[in-house]
């Protein structure tokens, strides 16, 4: 996969500058929400009695809060920023099929 804008691969310098800018902005935004983050969570039990980490840090639970991890939130925000700048993520063209 690679980022393209207006159907063309941008110059490496421009792509690098936009990527770094978006990643920095995404990092700052994602970290601003997590000042209250603690490395522990409430432990609950599912209907079968199995323990799981409850919201907001429900790792390993099928119904966890989707934005409960700042790393995932950072990646989502960086991608949003690139798309807002006009980029699109497309598959890389490899060779012709035989």
PDB file of N, CA and C in Angstrom:
ATOM      1  N   UNK A   1       0.844  -1.168   0.000  1.00  0.00           N
ATOM      2  CA  UNK A   1       0.000   0.000   0.000  1.00  0.00           C
ATOM      3  C   UNK A   1       0.896   1.239   0.000  1.00  0.00           C
ATOM      4  N   UNK A   2       0.449   2.274  -0.698  1.00  0.00           N
ATOM      5  CA  UNK A   2       1.180   3.529  -0.696  1.00  0.00           C
ATOM      6  C   UNK A   2       0.212   4.697  -0.837  1.00  0.00           C
ATOM      7  N   UNK A   3       0.663   5.847  -0.361  1.00  0.00           N
ATOM      8  CA  UNK A   3      -0.155   7.049  -0.454  1.00  0.00           C
ATOM      9  C   UNK A   3       0.033   7.698  -1.819  1.00  0.00           C
ATOM     10  N   UNK A   4      -1.083   8.061  -2.455  1.00  0.00           N
ATOM     11  CA  UNK A   4      -1.054   8.816  -3.714  1.00  0.00           C
ATOM     12  C   UNK A   4      -1.982  10.021  -3.560  1.00  0.00           C
ATOM     13  N   UNK A   5      -1.686  11.052  -4.385  1.00  0.00           N
ATOM     14  CA  UNK A   5      -2.553  12.230  -4.382  1.00  0.00           C
ATOM     15  C   UNK A   5      -2.819  12.591  -5.832  1.00  0.00           C
ATOM     16  N   UNK A   6      -4.080  12.808  -6.137  1.00  0.00           N
ATOM     17  CA  UNK A   6      -4.517  13.113  -7.504  1.00  0.00           C
ATOM     18  C   UNK A   6      -4.093  12.014  -8.482  1.00  0.00           C
ATOM     19  N   UNK A   7      -4.096  10.768  -8.007  1.00  0.00           N
ATOM     20  CA  UNK A   7      -3.781   9.627  -8.855  1.00  0.00           C
ATOM     21  C   UNK A   7      -2.307   9.431  -9.130  1.00  0.00           C
ATOM     22  N   UNK A   8      -1.435  10.226  -8.515  1.00  0.00           N
ATOM     23  CA  UNK A   8       0.005  10.114  -8.751  1.00  0.00           C
ATOM     24  C   UNK A   8       0.748   9.998  -7.426  1.00  0.00           C
ATOM     25  N   UNK A   9       1.884   9.326  -7.485  1.00  0.00           N
ATOM     26  CA  UNK A   9       2.737   9.234  -6.304  1.00  0.00           C
ATOM     27  C   UNK A   9       3.433  10.581  -6.145  1.00  0.00           C
ATOM     28  N   UNK A  10       3.290  11.231  -4.995  1.00  0.00           N
ATOM     29  CA  UNK A  10       3.924  12.546  -4.812  1.00  0.00           C
ATOM     30  C   UNK A  10       5.443  12.419  -4.676  1.00  0.00           C
ATOM     31  N   UNK A  11       6.113  13.555  -4.763  1.00  0.00           N
ATOM     32  CA  UNK A  11       7.564  13.573  -4.567  1.00  0.00           C
ATOM     33  C   UNK A  11       7.887  13.045  -3.172  1.00  0.00           C
ATOM     34  N   UNK A  12       8.966  12.282  -3.028  1.00  0.00           N
ATOM     35  CA  UNK A  12       9.298  11.694  -1.719  1.00  0.00           C
ATOM     36  C   UNK A  12       9.414  12.732  -0.598  1.00  0.00           C
ATOM     37  N   UNK A  13       9.960  13.909  -0.902  1.00  0.00           N
ATOM     38  CA  UNK A  13      10.118  14.939   0.127  1.00  0.00           C
ATOM     39  C   UNK A  13       8.758  15.439   0.611  1.00  0.00           C
ATOM     40  N   UNK A  14       7.830  15.673  -0.327  1.00  0.00           N
ATOM     41  CA  UNK A  14       6.493  16.159   0.035  1.00  0.00           C
ATOM     42  C   UNK A  14       5.733  15.097   0.835  1.00  0.00           C
ATOM     43  N   UNK A  15       5.828  13.854   0.402  1.00  0.00           N
ATOM     44  CA  UNK A  15       5.164  12.766   1.115  1.00  0.00           C
ATOM     45  C   UNK A  15       5.733  12.617   2.518  1.00  0.00           C
ATOM     46  N   UNK A  16       7.064  12.689   2.639  1.00  0.00           N
ATOM     47  CA  UNK A  16       7.710  12.579   3.950  1.00  0.00           C
ATOM     48  C   UNK A  16       7.266  13.721   4.867  1.00  0.00           C
ATOM     49  N   UNK A  17       7.215  14.924   4.355  1.00  0.00           N
ATOM     50  CA  UNK A  17       6.824  16.081   5.157  1.00  0.00           C
ATOM     51  C   UNK A  17       5.374  15.948   5.634  1.00  0.00           C
ATOM     52  N   UNK A  18       4.464  15.551   4.737  1.00  0.00           N
ATOM     53  CA  UNK A  18       3.059  15.390   5.115  1.00  0.00           C
ATOM     54  C   UNK A  18       2.863  14.244   6.102  1.00  0.00           C
ATOM     55  N   UNK A  19       3.582  13.154   5.888  1.00  0.00           N
ATOM     56  CA  UNK A  19       3.470  11.998   6.778  1.00  0.00           C
ATOM     57  C   UNK A  19       3.950  12.340   8.187  1.00  0.00           C
ATOM     58  N   UNK A  20       5.094  12.996   8.279  1.00  0.00           N
ATOM     59  CA  UNK A  20       5.636  13.376   9.586  1.00  0.00           C
ATOM     60  C   UNK A  20       4.696  14.351  10.279  1.00  0.00           C
ATOM     61  N   UNK A  21       4.196  15.319   9.536  1.00  0.00           N
ATOM     62  CA  UNK A  21       3.274  16.303  10.105  1.00  0.00           C
ATOM     63  C   UNK A  21       2.021  15.625  10.661  1.00  0.00           C
ATOM     64  N   UNK A  22       1.435  14.718   9.882  1.00  0.00           N
ATOM     65  CA  UNK A  22       0.221  14.025  10.317  1.00  0.00           C
ATOM     66  C   UNK A  22       0.486  13.137  11.526  1.00  0.00           C
ATOM     67  N   UNK A  23       1.618  12.452  11.530  1.00  0.00           N
ATOM     68  CA  UNK A  23       1.942  11.582  12.672  1.00  0.00           C
ATOM     69  C   UNK A  23       2.141  12.392  13.951  1.00  0.00           C
ATOM     70  N   UNK A  24       2.800  13.551  13.828  1.00  0.00           N
ATOM     71  CA  UNK A  24       3.011  14.392  15.005  1.00  0.00           C
ATOM     72  C   UNK A  24       1.688  14.926  15.541  1.00  0.00           C
ATOM     73  N   UNK A  25       0.833  15.397  14.644  1.00  0.00           N
ATOM     74  CA  UNK A  25      -0.474  15.900  15.065  1.00  0.00           C
ATOM     75  C   UNK A  25      -1.307  14.792  15.704  1.00  0.00           C
ATOM     76  N   UNK A  26      -1.278  13.610  15.097  1.00  0.00           N
ATOM     77  CA  UNK A  26      -2.047  12.474  15.623  1.00  0.00           C
ATOM     78  C   UNK A  26      -1.539  12.065  17.000  1.00  0.00           C
ATOM     79  N   UNK A  27      -0.220  12.071  17.181  1.00  0.00           N
ATOM     80  CA  UNK A  27       0.342  11.711  18.478  1.00  0.00           C
ATOM     81  C   UNK A  27      -0.129  12.686  19.551  1.00  0.00           C
ATOM     82  N   UNK A  28      -0.006  13.984  19.264  1.00  0.00           N
ATOM     83  CA  UNK A  28      -0.418  14.988  20.247  1.00  0.00           C
ATOM     84  C   UNK A  28      -1.898  14.860  20.592  1.00  0.00           C
ATOM     85  N   UNK A  29      -2.731  14.663  19.579  1.00  0.00           N
ATOM     86  CA  UNK A  29      -4.177  14.563  19.824  1.00  0.00           C
ATOM     87  C   UNK A  29      -4.522  13.295  20.600  1.00  0.00           C
ATOM     88  N   UNK A  30      -3.926  12.169  20.223  1.00  0.00           N
ATOM     89  CA  UNK A  30      -4.262  10.911  20.906  1.00  0.00           C
ATOM     90  C   UNK A  30      -3.780  10.930  22.351  1.00  0.00           C
ATOM     91  N   UNK A  31      -2.637  11.534  22.612  1.00  0.00           N
ATOM     92  CA  UNK A  31      -2.110  11.567  23.969  1.00  0.00           C
ATOM     93  C   UNK A  31      -2.852  12.559  24.857  1.00  0.00           C
ATOM     94  N   UNK A  32      -3.488  13.549  24.265  1.00  0.00           N
ATOM     95  CA  UNK A  32      -4.187  14.550  25.069  1.00  0.00           C
ATOM     96  C   UNK A  32      -5.393  13.957  25.790  1.00  0.00           C
ATOM     97  N   UNK A  33      -5.924  12.858  25.299  1.00  0.00           N
ATOM     98  CA  UNK A  33      -7.084  12.219  25.907  1.00  0.00           C
ATOM     99  C   UNK A  33      -6.705  11.223  26.994  1.00  0.00           C
ATOM    100  N   UNK A  34      -5.441  10.881  27.107  1.00  0.00           N
ATOM    101  CA  UNK A  34      -5.043   9.764  27.955  1.00  0.00           C
ATOM    102  C   UNK A  34      -4.293  10.195  29.202  1.00  0.00           C
ATOM    103  N   UNK A  35      -4.442  11.446  29.624  1.00  0.00           N
ATOM    104  CA  UNK A  35      -3.755  11.888  30.840  1.00  0.00           C
ATOM    105  C   UNK A  35      -4.232  11.096  32.057  1.00  0.00           C
ATOM    106  N   UNK A  36      -5.445  10.565  32.005  1.00  0.00           N
ATOM    107  CA  UNK A  36      -5.969   9.801  33.129  1.00  0.00           C
ATOM    108  C   UNK A  36      -5.750   8.316  32.991  1.00  0.00           C
ATOM    109  N   UNK A  37      -5.006   7.894  31.986  1.00  0.00           N
ATOM    110  CA  UNK A  37      -4.786   6.466  31.752  1.00  0.00           C
ATOM    111  C   UNK A  37      -4.021   5.835  32.916  1.00  0.00           C
ATOM    112  N   UNK A  38      -4.458   4.685  33.330  1.00  0.00           N
ATOM    113  CA  UNK A  38      -3.780   3.933  34.368  1.00  0.00           C
ATOM    114  C   UNK A  38      -3.498   2.528  33.821  1.00  0.00           C
ATOM    115  N   UNK A  39      -2.413   1.907  34.240  1.00  0.00           N
ATOM    116  CA  UNK A  39      -2.064   0.585  33.703  1.00  0.00           C
ATOM    117  C   UNK A  39      -2.887  -0.548  34.288  1.00  0.00           C
ATOM    118  N   UNK A  40      -4.025  -0.264  34.831  1.00  0.00           N
ATOM    119  CA  UNK A  40      -4.878  -1.310  35.361  1.00  0.00           C
ATOM    120  C   UNK A  40      -6.302  -1.062  34.889  1.00  0.00           C
ATOM    121  N   UNK A  41      -7.128  -2.013  35.042  1.00  0.00           N
ATOM    122  CA  UNK A  41      -8.523  -1.863  34.646  1.00  0.00           C
ATOM    123  C   UNK A  41      -9.402  -2.612  35.642  1.00  0.00           C
ATOM    124  N   UNK A  42     -10.674  -2.358  35.546  1.00  0.00           N
ATOM    125  CA  UNK A  42     -11.627  -3.101  36.372  1.00  0.00           C
ATOM    126  C   UNK A  42     -11.761  -4.503  35.789  1.00  0.00           C
ATOM    127  N   UNK A  43     -11.794  -5.480  36.627  1.00  0.00           N
ATOM    128  CA  UNK A  43     -11.938  -6.865  36.167  1.00  0.00           C
ATOM    129  C   UNK A  43     -13.395  -7.272  36.330  1.00  0.00           C
ATOM    130  N   UNK A  44     -13.955  -7.773  35.249  1.00  0.00           N
ATOM    131  CA  UNK A  44     -15.328  -8.256  35.279  1.00  0.00           C
ATOM    132  C   UNK A  44     -15.372  -9.721  34.907  1.00  0.00           C
ATOM    133  N   UNK A  45     -16.537 -10.267  34.853  1.00  0.00           N
ATOM    134  CA  UNK A  45     -16.707 -11.669  34.453  1.00  0.00           C
ATOM    135  C   UNK A  45     -17.786 -11.740  33.387  1.00  0.00           C
ATOM    136  N   UNK A  46     -17.526 -12.544  32.355  1.00  0.00           N
ATOM    137  CA  UNK A  46     -18.526 -12.724  31.305  1.00  0.00           C
ATOM    138  C   UNK A  46     -19.572 -13.746  31.773  1.00  0.00           C
ATOM    139  N   UNK A  47     -20.607 -14.030  30.956  1.00  0.00           N
ATOM    140  CA  UNK A  47     -21.653 -14.969  31.379  1.00  0.00           C
ATOM    141  C   UNK A  47     -21.150 -16.374  31.721  1.00  0.00           C
ATOM    142  N   UNK A  48     -19.943 -16.726  31.227  1.00  0.00           N
ATOM    143  CA  UNK A  48     -19.388 -18.044  31.506  1.00  0.00           C
ATOM    144  C   UNK A  48     -18.430 -18.029  32.698  1.00  0.00           C
ATOM    145  N   UNK A  49     -18.308 -16.882  33.366  1.00  0.00           N
ATOM    146  CA  UNK A  49     -17.450 -16.774  34.530  1.00  0.00           C
ATOM    147  C   UNK A  49     -16.001 -16.473  34.234  1.00  0.00           C
ATOM    148  N   UNK A  50     -15.654 -16.249  32.961  1.00  0.00           N
ATOM    149  CA  UNK A  50     -14.269 -15.950  32.597  1.00  0.00           C
ATOM    150  C   UNK A  50     -13.965 -14.486  32.899  1.00  0.00           C
ATOM    151  N   UNK A  51     -12.795 -14.197  33.462  1.00  0.00           N
ATOM    152  CA  UNK A  51     -12.447 -12.806  33.768  1.00  0.00           C
ATOM    153  C   UNK A  51     -12.068 -12.038  32.497  1.00  0.00           C
ATOM    154  N   UNK A  52     -12.333 -10.747  32.490  1.00  0.00           N
ATOM    155  CA  UNK A  52     -11.900  -9.868  31.400  1.00  0.00           C
ATOM    156  C   UNK A  52     -11.732  -8.462  31.944  1.00  0.00           C
ATOM    157  N   UNK A  53     -10.910  -7.670  31.254  1.00  0.00           N
ATOM    158  CA  UNK A  53     -10.723  -6.273  31.625  1.00  0.00           C
ATOM    159  C   UNK A  53     -11.905  -5.464  31.132  1.00  0.00           C
ATOM    160  N   UNK A  54     -12.538  -4.741  32.038  1.00  0.00           N
ATOM    161  CA  UNK A  54     -13.728  -3.973  31.682  1.00  0.00           C
ATOM    162  C   UNK A  54     -13.357  -2.619  31.088  1.00  0.00           C
ATOM    163  N   UNK A  55     -14.329  -1.972  30.483  1.00  0.00           N
ATOM    164  CA  UNK A  55     -14.135  -0.668  29.856  1.00  0.00           C
ATOM    165  C   UNK A  55     -13.512   0.286  30.840  1.00  0.00           C
ATOM    166  N   UNK A  56     -12.643   1.188  30.455  1.00  0.00           N
ATOM    167  CA  UNK A  56     -12.255   1.507  29.089  1.00  0.00           C
ATOM    168  C   UNK A  56     -11.065   0.718  28.588  1.00  0.00           C
ATOM    169  N   UNK A  57     -10.499  -0.159  29.381  1.00  0.00           N
ATOM    170  CA  UNK A  57      -9.294  -0.861  28.966  1.00  0.00           C
ATOM    171  C   UNK A  57      -9.585  -2.340  28.733  1.00  0.00           C
ATOM    172  N   UNK A  58     -10.646  -2.647  28.019  1.00  0.00           N
ATOM    173  CA  UNK A  58     -11.118  -4.010  27.889  1.00  0.00           C
ATOM    174  C   UNK A  58     -10.353  -4.851  26.910  1.00  0.00           C
ATOM    175  N   UNK A  59      -9.046  -4.926  27.034  1.00  0.00           N
ATOM    176  CA  UNK A  59      -8.241  -5.723  26.118  1.00  0.00           C
ATOM    177  C   UNK A  59      -8.623  -7.190  26.221  1.00  0.00           C
ATOM    178  N   UNK A  60      -8.776  -7.820  25.100  1.00  0.00           N
ATOM    179  CA  UNK A  60      -9.075  -9.237  25.083  1.00  0.00           C
ATOM    180  C   UNK A  60     -10.549  -9.556  25.183  1.00  0.00           C
ATOM    181  N   UNK A  61     -11.366  -8.558  25.329  1.00  0.00           N
ATOM    182  CA  UNK A  61     -12.805  -8.789  25.433  1.00  0.00           C
ATOM    183  C   UNK A  61     -13.443  -8.448  24.088  1.00  0.00           C
ATOM    184  N   UNK A  62     -14.367  -9.272  23.602  1.00  0.00           N
ATOM    185  CA  UNK A  62     -14.930  -9.022  22.267  1.00  0.00           C
ATOM    186  C   UNK A  62     -15.733  -7.731  22.166  1.00  0.00           C
ATOM    187  N   UNK A  63     -16.140  -7.141  23.266  1.00  0.00           N
ATOM    188  CA  UNK A  63     -16.924  -5.912  23.206  1.00  0.00           C
ATOM    189  C   UNK A  63     -16.160  -4.728  23.774  1.00  0.00           C
ATOM    190  N   UNK A  64     -14.835  -4.729  23.607  1.00  0.00           N
ATOM    191  CA  UNK A  64     -14.045  -3.630  24.161  1.00  0.00           C
ATOM    192  C   UNK A  64     -14.332  -2.317  23.440  1.00  0.00           C
ATOM    193  N   UNK A  65     -14.089  -1.237  24.118  1.00  0.00           N
ATOM    194  CA  UNK A  65     -14.246   0.102  23.550  1.00  0.00           C
ATOM    195  C   UNK A  65     -13.230   0.279  22.434  1.00  0.00           C
ATOM    196  N   UNK A  66     -13.652   0.568  21.201  1.00  0.00           N
ATOM    197  CA  UNK A  66     -12.727   0.567  20.070  1.00  0.00           C
ATOM    198  C   UNK A  66     -11.655   1.651  20.120  1.00  0.00           C
ATOM    199  N   UNK A  67     -11.879   2.730  20.871  1.00  0.00           N
ATOM    200  CA  UNK A  67     -10.887   3.803  20.934  1.00  0.00           C
ATOM    201  C   UNK A  67     -10.223   3.839  22.302  1.00  0.00           C
ATOM    202  N   UNK A  68     -10.171   2.701  22.976  1.00  0.00           N
ATOM    203  CA  UNK A  68      -9.608   2.625  24.311  1.00  0.00           C
ATOM    204  C   UNK A  68      -8.102   2.529  24.347  1.00  0.00           C
ATOM    205  N   UNK A  69      -7.451   2.490  23.203  1.00  0.00           N
ATOM    206  CA  UNK A  69      -6.003   2.373  23.157  1.00  0.00           C
ATOM    207  C   UNK A  69      -5.433   3.565  22.400  1.00  0.00           C
ATOM    208  N   UNK A  70      -4.564   4.362  23.019  1.00  0.00           N
ATOM    209  CA  UNK A  70      -4.043   5.546  22.344  1.00  0.00           C
ATOM    210  C   UNK A  70      -3.228   5.219  21.095  1.00  0.00           C
ATOM    211  N   UNK A  71      -2.627   4.041  21.015  1.00  0.00           N
ATOM    212  CA  UNK A  71      -1.855   3.669  19.830  1.00  0.00           C
ATOM    213  C   UNK A  71      -2.781   3.494  18.627  1.00  0.00           C
ATOM    214  N   UNK A  72      -3.902   2.807  18.813  1.00  0.00           N
ATOM    215  CA  UNK A  72      -4.863   2.637  17.720  1.00  0.00           C
ATOM    216  C   UNK A  72      -5.482   3.976  17.329  1.00  0.00           C
ATOM    217  N   UNK A  73      -5.763   4.799  18.326  1.00  0.00           N
ATOM    218  CA  UNK A  73      -6.343   6.112  18.060  1.00  0.00           C
ATOM    219  C   UNK A  73      -5.358   6.971  17.274  1.00  0.00           C
ATOM    220  N   UNK A  74      -4.084   6.898  17.609  1.00  0.00           N
ATOM    221  CA  UNK A  74      -3.064   7.661  16.888  1.00  0.00           C
ATOM    222  C   UNK A  74      -3.003   7.241  15.422  1.00  0.00           C
ATOM    223  N   UNK A  75      -3.026   5.948  15.161  1.00  0.00           N
ATOM    224  CA  UNK A  75      -2.990   5.458  13.782  1.00  0.00           C
ATOM    225  C   UNK A  75      -4.218   5.912  12.996  1.00  0.00           C
ATOM    226  N   UNK A  76      -5.377   5.862  13.630  1.00  0.00           N
ATOM    227  CA  UNK A  76      -6.611   6.290  12.971  1.00  0.00           C
ATOM    228  C   UNK A  76      -6.562   7.782  12.656  1.00  0.00           C
ATOM    229  N   UNK A  77      -6.078   8.589  13.588  1.00  0.00           N
ATOM    230  CA  UNK A  77      -6.000  10.029  13.367  1.00  0.00           C
ATOM    231  C   UNK A  77      -4.973  10.392  12.305  1.00  0.00           C
ATOM    232  N   UNK A  78      -3.844   9.688  12.260  1.00  0.00           N
ATOM    233  CA  UNK A  78      -2.824   9.954  11.238  1.00  0.00           C
ATOM    234  C   UNK A  78      -3.381   9.648   9.848  1.00  0.00           C
ATOM    235  N   UNK A  79      -4.105   8.551   9.717  1.00  0.00           N
ATOM    236  CA  UNK A  79      -4.709   8.218   8.426  1.00  0.00           C
ATOM    237  C   UNK A  79      -5.754   9.254   8.036  1.00  0.00           C
ATOM    238  N   UNK A  80      -6.560   9.694   8.988  1.00  0.00           N
ATOM    239  CA  UNK A  80      -7.567  10.723   8.722  1.00  0.00           C
ATOM    240  C   UNK A  80      -6.897  12.009   8.224  1.00  0.00           C
ATOM    241  N   UNK A  81      -5.799  12.396   8.853  1.00  0.00           N
ATOM    242  CA  UNK A  81      -5.065  13.598   8.464  1.00  0.00           C
ATOM    243  C   UNK A  81      -4.558  13.491   7.023  1.00  0.00           C
ATOM    244  N   UNK A  82      -3.986  12.352   6.669  1.00  0.00           N
ATOM    245  CA  UNK A  82      -3.476  12.168   5.303  1.00  0.00           C
ATOM    246  C   UNK A  82      -4.614  12.248   4.289  1.00  0.00           C
ATOM    247  N   UNK A  83      -5.747  11.647   4.607  1.00  0.00           N
ATOM    248  CA  UNK A  83      -6.894  11.715   3.692  1.00  0.00           C
ATOM    249  C   UNK A  83      -7.426  13.141   3.586  1.00  0.00           C
ATOM    250  N   UNK A  84      -7.384  13.887   4.684  1.00  0.00           N
ATOM    251  CA  UNK A  84      -7.827  15.280   4.654  1.00  0.00           C
ATOM    252  C   UNK A  84      -6.904  16.141   3.786  1.00  0.00           C
ATOM    253  N   UNK A  85      -5.649  15.734   3.649  1.00  0.00           N
ATOM    254  CA  UNK A  85      -4.703  16.457   2.790  1.00  0.00           C
ATOM    255  C   UNK A  85      -4.828  16.042   1.330  1.00  0.00           C
ATOM    256  N   UNK A  86      -5.757  15.142   1.041  1.00  0.00           N
ATOM    257  CA  UNK A  86      -5.996  14.739  -0.340  1.00  0.00           C
ATOM    258  C   UNK A  86      -5.340  13.448  -0.765  1.00  0.00           C
ATOM    259  N   UNK A  87      -4.718  12.742   0.166  1.00  0.00           N
ATOM    260  CA  UNK A  87      -4.065  11.473  -0.163  1.00  0.00           C
ATOM    261  C   UNK A  87      -5.070  10.335  -0.130  1.00  0.00           C
ATOM    262  N   UNK A  88      -4.720   9.283  -0.855  1.00  0.00           N
ATOM    263  CA  UNK A  88      -5.514   8.061  -0.862  1.00  0.00           C
ATOM    264  C   UNK A  88      -4.540   6.897  -0.756  1.00  0.00           C
ATOM    265  N   UNK A  89      -4.887   5.907   0.034  1.00  0.00           N
ATOM    266  CA  UNK A  89      -4.038   4.732   0.207  1.00  0.00           C
ATOM    267  C   UNK A  89      -4.458   3.676  -0.808  1.00  0.00           C
ATOM    268  N   UNK A  90      -3.537   3.314  -1.701  1.00  0.00           N
ATOM    269  CA  UNK A  90      -3.846   2.363  -2.775  1.00  0.00           C
ATOM    270  C   UNK A  90      -2.814   1.237  -2.793  1.00  0.00           C
ATOM    271  N   UNK A  91      -3.185   0.075  -3.338  1.00  0.00           N
ATOM    272  CA  UNK A  91      -2.215  -1.026  -3.459  1.00  0.00           C
ATOM    273  C   UNK A  91      -1.086  -0.660  -4.419  1.00  0.00           C
ATOM    274  N   UNK A  92       0.111  -1.154  -4.116  1.00  0.00           N
ATOM    275  CA  UNK A  92       1.277  -0.919  -4.980  1.00  0.00           C
ATOM    276  C   UNK A  92       1.160  -1.848  -6.182  1.00  0.00           C
ATOM    277  N   UNK A  93       1.408  -1.300  -7.350  1.00  0.00           N
ATOM    278  CA  UNK A  93       1.406  -2.109  -8.567  1.00  0.00           C
ATOM    279  C   UNK A  93       2.676  -2.953  -8.588  1.00  0.00           C
ATOM    280  N   UNK A  94       2.503  -4.276  -8.595  1.00  0.00           N
ATOM    281  CA  UNK A  94       3.680  -5.158  -8.707  1.00  0.00           C
ATOM    282  C   UNK A  94       3.834  -5.503 -10.184  1.00  0.00           C
ATOM    283  N   UNK A  95       4.430  -6.516 -10.592  1.00  0.00           N
ATOM    284  CA  UNK A  95       4.594  -6.846 -12.012  1.00  0.00           C
ATOM    285  C   UNK A  95       3.296  -7.360 -12.630  1.00  0.00           C
ATOM    286  N   UNK A  96       3.323  -7.611 -13.924  1.00  0.00           N
ATOM    287  CA  UNK A  96       2.157  -8.161 -14.618  1.00  0.00           C
ATOM    288  C   UNK A  96       1.970  -9.630 -14.213  1.00  0.00           C
ATOM    289  N   UNK A  97       0.738 -10.059 -14.127  1.00  0.00           N
ATOM    290  CA  UNK A  97       0.447 -11.457 -13.816  1.00  0.00           C
ATOM    291  C   UNK A  97       0.787 -12.335 -15.012  1.00  0.00           C
ATOM    292  N   UNK A  98       1.277 -13.529 -14.747  1.00  0.00           N
ATOM    293  CA  UNK A  98       1.624 -14.437 -15.854  1.00  0.00           C
ATOM    294  C   UNK A  98       0.467 -15.291 -16.217  1.00  0.00           C
TER     295      UNK A  98
END
